[in-house]
């Protein structure tokens, strides 16, 4: 299929999802990289307590807190 035909289908609101290969698609800026961070035990205990209180994992609470701080400083 030529790009112009594809564009016409898209522009007319047709469902083009069957024409796309999503198996290798990625969301920009969303790939992950593993890092190691050492925390003192007292911080881990407090993180775990807060994570349990709101019903998430330790990793989730760390990500949320870091994301909040990064949003704060980038404003």
Protein backbone atom coordinates (compact mmCIF):
# COMPACT_ATOMS: atom_id res chain seq x y z
CA UNK A 1 0.00 0.00 0.00
CA UNK A 2 1.27 3.42 -0.87
CA UNK A 3 1.60 6.12 1.76
CA UNK A 4 -1.00 8.30 0.06
CA UNK A 5 -3.58 5.49 0.24
CA UNK A 6 -2.71 4.87 3.90
CA UNK A 7 -3.04 8.61 4.64
CA UNK A 8 -6.45 8.75 2.95
CA UNK A 9 -7.70 5.84 5.05
CA UNK A 10 -6.40 7.50 8.22
CA UNK A 11 -7.77 10.92 7.33
CA UNK A 12 -11.21 9.50 6.55
CA UNK A 13 -11.35 7.87 9.99
CA UNK A 14 -11.03 4.27 8.85
CA UNK A 15 -9.62 1.71 11.27
CA UNK A 16 -6.01 1.30 10.16
CA UNK A 17 -4.87 -0.76 13.14
CA UNK A 18 -4.90 -3.95 11.05
CA UNK A 19 -2.41 -2.36 8.67
CA UNK A 20 0.16 -1.63 11.38
CA UNK A 21 2.72 -3.92 13.03
CA UNK A 22 2.72 -3.08 16.75
CA UNK A 23 5.10 -5.90 17.71
CA UNK A 24 8.13 -3.61 17.73
CA UNK A 25 6.46 -0.34 18.65
CA UNK A 26 7.80 1.68 21.56
CA UNK A 27 6.60 4.75 23.39
CA UNK A 28 9.23 7.49 23.11
CA UNK A 29 11.02 8.14 26.36
CA UNK A 30 9.39 5.15 28.08
CA UNK A 31 12.08 2.50 27.73
CA UNK A 32 13.58 1.51 31.03
CA UNK A 33 17.08 1.14 32.40
CA UNK A 34 17.90 -0.60 35.62
CA UNK A 35 19.92 1.23 38.25
CA UNK A 36 21.02 0.31 41.75
CA UNK A 37 20.58 2.70 44.63
CA UNK A 38 21.64 2.07 48.20
CA UNK A 39 19.36 3.46 50.92
CA UNK A 40 19.86 3.43 54.68
CA UNK A 41 17.61 0.94 56.49
CA UNK A 42 15.58 3.69 58.17
CA UNK A 43 14.63 5.08 54.73
CA UNK A 44 13.67 1.64 53.43
CA UNK A 45 11.50 1.04 56.50
CA UNK A 46 9.68 4.34 56.01
CA UNK A 47 9.27 3.72 52.28
CA UNK A 48 7.85 0.27 52.95
CA UNK A 49 5.46 1.65 55.56
CA UNK A 50 4.14 4.30 53.15
CA UNK A 51 3.98 1.81 50.27
CA UNK A 52 1.87 -0.57 52.40
CA UNK A 53 -0.34 2.30 53.53
CA UNK A 54 -1.27 3.25 49.97
CA UNK A 55 -1.14 -0.31 48.60
CA UNK A 56 1.77 -0.17 46.18
CA UNK A 57 5.22 -1.71 45.93
CA UNK A 58 8.41 -0.09 47.19
CA UNK A 59 9.56 0.37 43.61
CA UNK A 60 6.33 2.13 42.71
CA UNK A 61 6.56 4.58 45.57
CA UNK A 62 10.16 5.41 44.70
CA UNK A 63 9.19 6.06 41.07
CA UNK A 64 6.22 8.22 42.06
CA UNK A 65 8.24 10.31 44.51
CA UNK A 66 11.10 10.83 42.07
CA UNK A 67 8.66 11.71 39.25
CA UNK A 68 6.93 14.26 41.51
CA UNK A 69 10.23 15.88 42.42
CA UNK A 70 11.40 16.00 38.82
CA UNK A 71 8.13 17.65 37.77
CA UNK A 72 8.57 20.20 40.58
CA UNK A 73 12.07 21.21 39.55
CA UNK A 74 11.31 21.30 35.82
CA UNK A 75 8.49 23.84 36.14
